[in-house]
Amino acid sequence: MTIPFKALRDKWNVDPAFREAYDKISPEMEIAFAIAEARHRAELTQAQLAAKIGSSQAMVARWERGTAMPSTKSLTKVAQATGSRLRVQLEAGPKKSGVK
């Protein structure tokens, strides 16, 4: 039986230690989770995704662990291979005092 990736992530997010660690490396982990979720939605293994985008299974694994950051060109290939849409977003964060 396969556990949906979103369910697993939601379960992890309840753990305060996980949340603290995740918040420290949030951008990297958001990309890692997005790649893994897109791959799971497309029902592809890491090796199958790697073959579709001209990369290696080891590189896909590093992206999904958050230990390597893919280029925007690689992210575009991942999106195309998984039937996803790549969207980059910069959100306004909380204002810091003294910063304009």
C-alpha atoms as a PDB file:
ATOM      1  CA  MET A   1       0.000   0.000   0.000  1.00  0.00           C
ATOM      2  CA  THR A   2       1.318   3.416  -0.964  1.00  0.00           C
ATOM      3  CA  ILE A   3       0.826   6.414   1.304  1.00  0.00           C
ATOM      4  CA  PRO A   4       0.053   9.610  -0.634  1.00  0.00           C
ATOM      5  CA  PHE A   5       2.998  11.996  -0.357  1.00  0.00           C
ATOM      6  CA  LYS A   6       0.765  14.860   0.809  1.00  0.00           C
ATOM      7  CA  ALA A   7      -0.542  12.718   3.674  1.00  0.00           C
ATOM      8  CA  LEU A   8       2.989  11.875   4.730  1.00  0.00           C
ATOM      9  CA  ARG A   9       4.064  15.525   4.562  1.00  0.00           C
ATOM     10  CA  ASP A  10       1.018  16.590   6.583  1.00  0.00           C
ATOM     11  CA  LYS A  11       1.877  13.959   9.202  1.00  0.00           C
ATOM     12  CA  TRP A  12       5.480  15.207   9.404  1.00  0.00           C
ATOM     13  CA  ASN A  13       4.338  18.833   9.689  1.00  0.00           C
ATOM     14  CA  VAL A  14       2.618  18.061  13.003  1.00  0.00           C
ATOM     15  CA  ASP A  15       5.989  17.210  14.569  1.00  0.00           C
ATOM     16  CA  PRO A  16       7.484  20.407  16.111  1.00  0.00           C
ATOM     17  CA  ALA A  17      11.061  19.200  15.530  1.00  0.00           C
ATOM     18  CA  PHE A  18      10.307  18.584  11.858  1.00  0.00           C
ATOM     19  CA  ARG A  19       8.640  22.008  11.518  1.00  0.00           C
ATOM     20  CA  GLU A  20      11.618  23.758  13.102  1.00  0.00           C
ATOM     21  CA  ALA A  21      14.090  21.988  10.823  1.00  0.00           C
ATOM     22  CA  TYR A  22      11.838  22.539   7.794  1.00  0.00           C
ATOM     23  CA  ASP A  23      11.518  26.259   8.518  1.00  0.00           C
ATOM     24  CA  LYS A  24      15.317  26.610   8.597  1.00  0.00           C
ATOM     25  CA  ILE A  25      15.652  25.160   5.104  1.00  0.00           C
ATOM     26  CA  SER A  26      12.194  25.937   3.782  1.00  0.00           C
ATOM     27  CA  PRO A  27      12.947  26.991   0.183  1.00  0.00           C
ATOM     28  CA  GLU A  28      15.066  23.916  -0.474  1.00  0.00           C
ATOM     29  CA  MET A  29      12.499  21.603   1.085  1.00  0.00           C
ATOM     30  CA  GLU A  30       9.584  23.219  -0.734  1.00  0.00           C
ATOM     31  CA  ILE A  31      11.331  22.512  -4.031  1.00  0.00           C
ATOM     32  CA  ALA A  32      12.207  18.987  -2.896  1.00  0.00           C
ATOM     33  CA  PHE A  33       8.614  18.248  -1.888  1.00  0.00           C
ATOM     34  CA  ALA A  34       7.228  19.823  -5.071  1.00  0.00           C
ATOM     35  CA  ILE A  35       9.409  17.600  -7.261  1.00  0.00           C
ATOM     36  CA  ALA A  36       8.521  14.473  -5.284  1.00  0.00           C
ATOM     37  CA  GLU A  37       4.802  15.291  -5.310  1.00  0.00           C
ATOM     38  CA  ALA A  38       4.787  15.996  -9.062  1.00  0.00           C
ATOM     39  CA  ARG A  39       6.635  12.743  -9.719  1.00  0.00           C
ATOM     40  CA  HIS A  40       4.177  10.784  -7.566  1.00  0.00           C
ATOM     41  CA  ARG A  41       1.176  12.414  -9.296  1.00  0.00           C
ATOM     42  CA  ALA A  42       2.653  11.395 -12.648  1.00  0.00           C
ATOM     43  CA  GLU A  43       3.197   7.865 -11.279  1.00  0.00           C
ATOM     44  CA  LEU A  44       6.885   7.908 -12.193  1.00  0.00           C
ATOM     45  CA  THR A  45       9.830   6.401 -10.384  1.00  0.00           C
ATOM     46  CA  GLN A  46      12.918   8.536  -9.868  1.00  0.00           C
ATOM     47  CA  ALA A  47      14.632   6.560 -12.642  1.00  0.00           C
ATOM     48  CA  GLN A  48      11.723   7.103 -15.046  1.00  0.00           C
ATOM     49  CA  LEU A  49      11.655  10.838 -14.343  1.00  0.00           C
ATOM     50  CA  ALA A  50      15.429  11.034 -14.782  1.00  0.00           C
ATOM     51  CA  ALA A  51      15.197   9.298 -18.168  1.00  0.00           C
ATOM     52  CA  LYS A  52      12.464  11.681 -19.319  1.00  0.00           C
ATOM     53  CA  ILE A  53      14.484  14.783 -18.423  1.00  0.00           C
ATOM     54  CA  GLY A  54      17.937  13.533 -19.425  1.00  0.00           C
ATOM     55  CA  SER A  55      19.314  13.325 -15.903  1.00  0.00           C
ATOM     56  CA  SER A  56      20.303  10.565 -13.504  1.00  0.00           C
ATOM     57  CA  GLN A  57      18.227   8.849 -10.832  1.00  0.00           C
ATOM     58  CA  ALA A  58      20.848   9.925  -8.284  1.00  0.00           C
ATOM     59  CA  MET A  59      20.350  13.595  -9.194  1.00  0.00           C
ATOM     60  CA  VAL A  60      16.562  13.313  -8.877  1.00  0.00           C
ATOM     61  CA  ALA A  61      17.087  11.686  -5.465  1.00  0.00           C
ATOM     62  CA  ARG A  62      19.355  14.565  -4.380  1.00  0.00           C
ATOM     63  CA  TRP A  63      16.746  17.107  -5.486  1.00  0.00           C
ATOM     64  CA  GLU A  64      14.029  15.262  -3.570  1.00  0.00           C
ATOM     65  CA  ARG A  65      16.192  15.129  -0.423  1.00  0.00           C
ATOM     66  CA  GLY A  66      16.941  18.845  -0.725  1.00  0.00           C
ATOM     67  CA  THR A  67      20.699  18.239  -0.874  1.00  0.00           C
ATOM     68  CA  ALA A  68      21.012  19.683  -4.400  1.00  0.00           C
ATOM     69  CA  MET A  69      19.117  22.509  -6.037  1.00  0.00           C
ATOM     70  CA  PRO A  70      17.867  22.079  -9.605  1.00  0.00           C
ATOM     71  CA  SER A  71      18.237  24.888 -12.116  1.00  0.00           C
ATOM     72  CA  THR A  72      15.132  26.574 -13.504  1.00  0.00           C
ATOM     73  CA  LYS A  73      15.867  24.733 -16.770  1.00  0.00           C
ATOM     74  CA  SER A  74      15.757  21.410 -14.878  1.00  0.00           C
ATOM     75  CA  LEU A  75      12.586  22.441 -13.046  1.00  0.00           C
ATOM     76  CA  THR A  76      10.989  23.268 -16.404  1.00  0.00           C
ATOM     77  CA  LYS A  77      11.891  19.777 -17.663  1.00  0.00           C
ATOM     78  CA  VAL A  78      10.475  18.191 -14.495  1.00  0.00           C
ATOM     79  CA  ALA A  79       7.243  20.146 -14.951  1.00  0.00           C
ATOM     80  CA  GLN A  80       6.906  19.048 -18.576  1.00  0.00           C
ATOM     81  CA  ALA A  81       7.732  15.413 -17.778  1.00  0.00           C
ATOM     82  CA  THR A  82       5.162  15.266 -14.968  1.00  0.00           C
ATOM     83  CA  GLY A  83       2.382  17.204 -16.697  1.00  0.00           C
ATOM     84  CA  SER A  84       2.783  20.030 -14.192  1.00  0.00           C
ATOM     85  CA  ARG A  85       3.062  23.796 -14.491  1.00  0.00           C
ATOM     86  CA  LEU A  86       6.156  25.503 -13.103  1.00  0.00           C
ATOM     87  CA  ARG A  87       5.382  28.619 -11.102  1.00  0.00           C
ATOM     88  CA  VAL A  88       7.927  30.740  -9.253  1.00  0.00           C
ATOM     89  CA  GLN A  89       6.547  33.049  -6.618  1.00  0.00           C
ATOM     90  CA  LEU A  90       8.093  35.608  -4.283  1.00  0.00           C
ATOM     91  CA  GLU A  91       5.688  36.394  -1.463  1.00  0.00           C
ATOM     92  CA  ALA A  92       5.807  39.392   0.804  1.00  0.00           C
ATOM     93  CA  GLY A  93       7.074  38.375   4.209  1.00  0.00           C
ATOM     94  CA  PRO A  94       6.722  40.083   7.555  1.00  0.00           C
ATOM     95  CA  LYS A  95       8.221  43.559   7.619  1.00  0.00           C
ATOM     96  CA  LYS A  96      11.409  43.908   9.591  1.00  0.00           C
ATOM     97  CA  SER A  97      11.990  47.068  11.544  1.00  0.00           C
ATOM     98  CA  GLY A  98      14.405  49.448   9.861  1.00  0.00           C
ATOM     99  CA  VAL A  99      14.012  47.826   6.416  1.00  0.00           C
ATOM    100  CA  LYS A 100      12.285  49.807   3.695  1.00  0.00           C
END
